Protein backbone atom coordinates (compact mmCIF):
# COMPACT_ATOMS: atom_id res chain seq x y z
CA MET A 1 0.00 0.00 0.00
CA ASN A 2 1.37 3.39 -0.94
CA LYS A 3 0.33 6.84 0.29
CA THR A 4 -2.34 7.32 -2.41
CA GLU A 5 -3.91 3.97 -1.57
CA LEU A 6 -3.82 4.87 2.13
CA VAL A 7 -5.68 8.12 1.44
CA SER A 8 -8.27 6.24 -0.65
CA HIS A 9 -8.74 3.71 2.17
CA VAL A 10 -9.31 6.54 4.67
CA VAL A 11 -11.88 8.17 2.36
CA GLU A 12 -13.75 4.86 1.98
CA ASN A 13 -13.89 4.25 5.73
CA VAL A 14 -14.86 7.72 6.96
CA ASP A 15 -18.29 8.96 5.88
CA GLY A 16 -18.35 12.44 4.36
CA LEU A 17 -14.58 12.87 4.14
CA SER A 18 -13.27 14.31 0.89
CA LYS A 19 -10.10 13.07 -0.75
CA VAL A 20 -8.49 16.50 -0.35
CA LEU A 21 -9.17 16.57 3.39
CA ALA A 22 -8.07 12.95 3.82
CA THR A 23 -4.78 13.77 2.08
CA LYS A 24 -4.25 16.68 4.48
CA VAL A 25 -4.97 14.42 7.46
CA VAL A 26 -2.58 11.69 6.31
CA ASN A 27 0.14 14.29 5.61
CA ALA A 28 -0.45 15.84 9.05
CA VAL A 29 -0.03 12.45 10.75
CA PHE A 30 3.26 11.80 8.92
CA ASP A 31 4.47 15.33 9.71
CA ALA A 32 3.62 14.82 13.40
CA ILE A 33 5.62 11.58 13.46
CA LYS A 34 8.61 13.31 11.80
CA HIS A 35 8.37 16.22 14.26
CA GLY A 36 8.19 13.85 17.22
CA LEU A 37 11.23 11.91 16.05
CA LYS A 38 13.23 15.06 15.42
CA HIS A 39 12.41 16.80 18.70
CA ASP A 40 11.50 14.06 21.20
CA GLY A 41 13.46 11.12 19.84
CA ASP A 42 10.61 8.63 19.73
CA VAL A 43 6.91 8.27 18.92
CA ALA A 44 4.74 5.54 20.47
CA ILE A 45 1.32 4.70 19.03
CA VAL A 46 -0.53 2.22 21.25
CA GLY A 47 -1.52 -0.90 19.32
CA HIS A 48 0.62 0.05 16.32
CA GLY A 49 4.19 0.33 17.56
CA SER A 50 7.00 2.71 18.37
CA TYR A 51 9.32 4.71 16.17
CA VAL A 52 12.67 5.21 17.90
CA VAL A 53 15.72 7.24 16.88
CA ALA A 54 18.97 5.30 17.37
CA GLU A 55 22.58 6.32 16.87
CA ARG A 56 24.61 4.21 14.45
CA ALA A 57 28.28 4.34 15.46
CA ALA A 58 31.05 5.46 13.13
CA ARG A 59 32.86 2.57 11.49
CA ASP A 60 35.48 1.69 8.91
CA GLY A 61 34.38 0.55 5.49
CA ARG A 62 35.99 -0.20 2.16
CA HIS A 63 35.61 1.65 -1.10
CA PRO A 64 34.07 -0.94 -3.44
CA LYS A 65 36.16 0.01 -6.45
CA THR A 66 39.58 0.61 -4.94
CA GLY A 67 39.38 -1.38 -1.71
CA ALA A 68 40.75 1.61 0.20
CA VAL A 69 39.72 1.91 3.85
CA MET A 70 37.37 4.83 4.46
CA ARG A 71 35.72 6.17 7.60
CA ILE A 72 31.91 6.03 7.61
CA PRO A 73 30.63 8.72 10.02
CA SER A 74 28.07 8.09 12.76
CA THR A 75 24.47 8.78 11.84
CA LYS A 76 20.98 8.67 13.29
CA VAL A 77 18.54 6.02 12.05
CA VAL A 78 14.85 5.43 12.69
CA ARG A 79 13.86 2.01 13.98
CA PHE A 80 10.36 0.62 14.31
CA LYS A 81 9.27 -1.72 17.10
CA VAL A 82 5.98 -3.36 16.18
CA GLY A 83 3.18 -3.31 18.79
CA LYS A 84 1.48 -6.45 20.05
CA ASP A 85 -1.91 -5.71 18.46
CA LEU A 86 -0.39 -5.12 15.01
CA LYS A 87 1.83 -8.19 15.32
CA ASP A 88 -1.15 -10.35 16.27
CA GLU A 89 -3.23 -8.96 13.38
CA VAL A 90 -0.51 -9.68 10.82
CA ASN A 91 -0.03 -13.23 12.14
CA LYS A 92 -3.71 -14.22 11.95
């Protein structure tokens, strides 16, 4: 399912909701998640799961063409921990 399909699903399941408004709502939810990750470090949605910001340590890597050792800097990554309700629903 992509974002367009998600918007269509929301429109189908909420009476009287236009596609334009549903798109704004879906975008607002994604923006709120991004904001929460950027400023708070994690976002927990009961029944769905948790988005957590983790730090990936700096490490040495190799240039694929030359084989030269290069330093890969540390970076932040987003990890998702699935909630019990979602896990149970997927495994039905």
